[in-house]
N, C-alpha and C. Protein backbone atom coordinates (compact mmCIF):
# COMPACT_ATOMS: atom_id res chain seq x y z
N UNK A 1 121.10 36.75 109.65
CA UNK A 1 121.05 37.23 110.88
C UNK A 1 119.53 37.72 111.13
N UNK A 2 118.91 37.45 112.11
CA UNK A 2 117.36 37.73 112.35
C UNK A 2 117.05 39.15 112.48
N UNK A 3 115.80 39.60 112.14
CA UNK A 3 115.53 40.89 112.20
C UNK A 3 115.76 41.56 113.73
N UNK A 4 115.29 40.55 114.47
CA UNK A 4 115.30 41.20 115.90
C UNK A 4 116.55 41.44 116.63
N UNK A 5 117.58 40.55 115.91
CA UNK A 5 119.15 40.74 116.38
C UNK A 5 119.52 42.10 115.76
N UNK A 6 119.18 42.32 114.59
CA UNK A 6 119.55 43.57 113.92
C UNK A 6 118.87 44.77 114.73
N UNK A 7 117.67 44.69 115.12
CA UNK A 7 117.05 45.97 115.90
C UNK A 7 117.86 45.97 117.08
N UNK A 8 118.13 44.96 117.74
CA UNK A 8 118.75 45.00 119.24
C UNK A 8 120.12 45.53 119.09
N UNK A 9 120.93 45.17 118.06
CA UNK A 9 122.14 45.69 117.87
C UNK A 9 122.03 47.35 117.31
N UNK A 10 121.19 47.75 116.61
CA UNK A 10 120.90 49.24 116.33
C UNK A 10 120.54 49.92 117.57
N UNK A 11 119.83 49.30 118.39
CA UNK A 11 119.46 50.18 119.65
C UNK A 11 120.72 50.20 120.64
N UNK A 12 121.65 49.00 120.58
CA UNK A 12 122.74 49.20 121.46
C UNK A 12 123.70 50.14 120.89
N UNK A 13 124.04 50.23 119.65
CA UNK A 13 124.90 51.35 119.10
C UNK A 13 124.27 52.58 119.29
N UNK A 14 122.93 53.02 119.12
CA UNK A 14 122.39 54.14 119.10
C UNK A 14 122.32 54.45 120.59
N UNK A 15 122.18 53.56 121.75
CA UNK A 15 122.51 53.85 123.23
C UNK A 15 123.92 54.28 123.49
N UNK A 16 124.74 53.64 122.89
CA UNK A 16 126.19 53.72 123.12
C UNK A 16 126.57 55.30 122.74
N UNK A 17 125.91 55.55 121.59
CA UNK A 17 126.28 56.92 121.00
C UNK A 17 125.56 57.87 121.89
N UNK A 18 124.34 57.83 122.45
CA UNK A 18 123.76 58.73 123.20
C UNK A 18 124.34 58.73 124.56
N UNK A 19 124.92 57.65 124.86
CA UNK A 19 125.73 57.84 126.36
C UNK A 19 127.07 58.49 126.13
N UNK A 20 127.61 58.56 125.09
CA UNK A 20 128.78 59.48 124.55
C UNK A 20 128.63 60.89 124.48
N UNK A 21 127.45 60.97 123.96
CA UNK A 21 126.82 62.49 123.57
C UNK A 21 126.31 63.09 125.05
N UNK A 22 125.89 62.29 125.89
CA UNK A 22 125.26 62.76 127.03
C UNK A 22 126.65 63.09 127.89
N UNK A 23 127.70 62.36 127.78
CA UNK A 23 128.70 62.54 128.82
C UNK A 23 129.43 64.01 128.25
N UNK A 24 129.75 63.93 126.86
CA UNK A 24 130.44 65.16 126.41
C UNK A 24 129.47 66.49 126.73
N UNK A 25 128.23 66.49 126.56
CA UNK A 25 127.38 67.60 126.70
C UNK A 25 127.18 67.97 128.02
N UNK A 26 127.50 66.99 129.02
CA UNK A 26 127.04 67.32 130.65
C UNK A 26 127.47 68.54 131.09
N UNK A 27 128.69 68.87 130.68
CA UNK A 27 129.32 70.26 131.36
C UNK A 27 128.56 71.53 130.86
N UNK A 28 128.16 71.33 129.58
CA UNK A 28 127.40 72.50 128.80
C UNK A 28 125.74 72.47 129.46
N UNK A 29 125.23 71.39 129.38
CA UNK A 29 123.94 71.38 129.40
C UNK A 29 123.34 71.56 130.98
N UNK A 30 123.97 70.73 131.86
CA UNK A 30 123.58 71.06 133.43
C UNK A 30 123.69 72.49 134.04
N UNK A 31 124.77 73.05 133.69
CA UNK A 31 124.55 74.34 134.20
C UNK A 31 123.64 75.37 133.45
N UNK A 32 123.08 75.14 132.14
CA UNK A 32 122.31 75.88 131.49
C UNK A 32 120.86 75.51 132.08
N UNK A 33 120.69 74.30 132.41
CA UNK A 33 119.31 73.96 133.05
C UNK A 33 119.12 74.49 134.51
N UNK A 34 120.27 74.24 135.16
CA UNK A 34 120.10 74.73 136.56
C UNK A 34 120.07 76.26 136.71
N UNK A 35 120.61 76.95 135.71
CA UNK A 35 120.28 78.31 135.68
C UNK A 35 119.03 78.73 135.35
N UNK A 36 118.47 78.13 134.39
CA UNK A 36 116.96 78.25 133.92
C UNK A 36 116.05 77.88 135.16
N UNK A 37 116.51 76.65 135.89
CA UNK A 37 115.32 76.38 136.71
C UNK A 37 116.13 76.15 138.04
N UNK A 38 116.30 77.35 138.96
CA UNK A 38 117.08 77.29 140.13
C UNK A 38 116.57 76.56 141.20
N UNK A 39 115.36 76.12 141.06
CA UNK A 39 114.82 75.16 142.04
C UNK A 39 115.36 73.84 142.29
N UNK A 40 116.01 73.45 141.01
CA UNK A 40 116.43 71.93 141.01
C UNK A 40 117.54 71.85 141.88
N UNK A 41 117.77 71.04 142.68
CA UNK A 41 118.92 70.82 143.50
C UNK A 41 119.66 69.47 143.20
N UNK A 42 119.00 68.55 142.71
CA UNK A 42 119.51 67.33 142.58
C UNK A 42 120.12 66.77 141.31
N UNK A 43 121.31 66.47 141.19
CA UNK A 43 121.89 65.81 139.88
C UNK A 43 120.98 64.85 139.24
N UNK A 44 120.41 64.11 140.11
CA UNK A 44 119.81 62.84 139.60
C UNK A 44 118.60 63.26 138.89
N UNK A 45 118.02 64.26 139.32
CA UNK A 45 116.77 64.85 138.52
C UNK A 45 117.15 65.42 137.28
N UNK A 46 118.23 66.24 137.11
CA UNK A 46 118.82 66.68 135.74
C UNK A 46 119.16 65.66 134.96
N UNK A 47 119.85 64.50 135.32
CA UNK A 47 120.25 63.36 134.68
C UNK A 47 119.06 62.39 134.30
N UNK A 48 118.01 62.43 135.10
CA UNK A 48 116.69 61.87 134.58
C UNK A 48 115.96 62.58 133.40
N UNK A 49 115.96 63.77 133.42
CA UNK A 49 115.42 64.43 132.33
C UNK A 49 116.32 64.39 131.10
N UNK A 50 117.56 64.41 131.12
CA UNK A 50 118.48 64.20 130.05
C UNK A 50 118.37 62.97 129.60
N UNK A 51 118.33 61.83 130.17
CA UNK A 51 118.10 60.56 129.87
C UNK A 51 116.74 60.28 129.24
N UNK A 52 115.58 61.15 129.63
CA UNK A 52 114.36 60.89 128.90
C UNK A 52 114.46 61.61 127.68
N UNK A 53 115.02 62.56 127.53
CA UNK A 53 115.15 63.43 126.17
C UNK A 53 116.10 62.70 125.35
N UNK A 54 117.09 62.14 125.59
CA UNK A 54 117.98 61.14 124.79
C UNK A 54 117.16 60.12 124.34
N UNK A 55 116.45 59.43 125.21
CA UNK A 55 115.59 58.17 124.78
C UNK A 55 114.47 58.38 123.80
N UNK A 56 113.88 59.56 123.92
CA UNK A 56 112.92 59.87 123.02
C UNK A 56 113.36 60.19 121.78
N UNK A 57 114.51 60.85 121.56
CA UNK A 57 115.49 61.34 120.33
C UNK A 57 115.80 59.74 119.72
N UNK A 58 116.33 58.86 120.47
CA UNK A 58 116.82 57.50 119.79
C UNK A 58 115.47 56.94 119.35
N UNK A 59 114.40 56.98 120.09
CA UNK A 59 113.18 56.25 119.66
C UNK A 59 112.45 56.98 118.49
N UNK A 60 112.73 58.41 118.09
CA UNK A 60 112.10 58.83 116.88
C UNK A 60 113.03 58.50 115.99
N UNK A 61 114.30 58.54 116.01
CA UNK A 61 115.25 58.09 114.96
C UNK A 61 114.98 56.83 114.54
N UNK A 62 114.82 55.74 115.62
CA UNK A 62 114.47 54.44 114.98
C UNK A 62 113.30 54.20 114.21
N UNK A 63 112.14 55.07 114.88
CA UNK A 63 110.78 54.94 114.18
C UNK A 63 110.82 55.47 112.86
N UNK A 64 111.60 56.66 112.47
CA UNK A 64 111.54 57.22 111.33
C UNK A 64 112.02 56.24 110.27
N UNK A 65 113.26 55.54 110.51
CA UNK A 65 114.27 54.75 109.74
C UNK A 65 113.53 53.48 109.63
N UNK A 66 112.68 53.10 110.44
CA UNK A 66 111.98 51.71 110.24
C UNK A 66 110.72 51.85 109.43
N UNK A 67 110.08 52.98 109.57
CA UNK A 67 108.94 53.31 108.40
C UNK A 67 109.46 53.41 107.13
N UNK A 68 110.72 53.81 107.10
CA UNK A 68 111.17 54.24 105.71
C UNK A 68 111.70 52.80 104.99
N UNK A 69 112.21 51.80 105.80
CA UNK A 69 112.39 50.44 105.47
C UNK A 69 111.07 49.88 105.21
N UNK A 70 110.20 49.84 105.81
CA UNK A 70 108.86 49.11 105.53
C UNK A 70 108.27 49.66 104.33
N UNK A 71 108.38 50.94 103.93
CA UNK A 71 107.46 51.32 102.98
C UNK A 71 108.24 50.71 101.49
N UNK A 72 109.67 50.82 101.68
CA UNK A 72 110.33 50.38 100.58
C UNK A 72 110.04 48.88 100.20
N UNK A 73 109.84 47.97 101.44
CA UNK A 73 109.55 46.51 100.93
C UNK A 73 108.06 46.46 100.22
N UNK A 74 107.34 47.29 100.74
CA UNK A 74 106.01 47.31 100.18
C UNK A 74 105.85 47.55 98.57
N UNK A 75 107.00 48.39 98.22
CA UNK A 75 106.86 48.72 96.70
C UNK A 75 107.23 47.33 95.84
């Protein structure tokens, strides 16, 4: 299996898990954000912010694990 297909599969799985996590935490996170920032009135804004955080988290995890693999191959 090519390296690109593996990376695509990993991103697909991480995205699926991030979507499940967002769905589970939605009821707890949205009221807390709306209480902290009372001027936000649209769910789309809160959803966009949550998506941004989840995407950065997934990217950071991928970058961490991919750098570990690269350093092992160089040894």
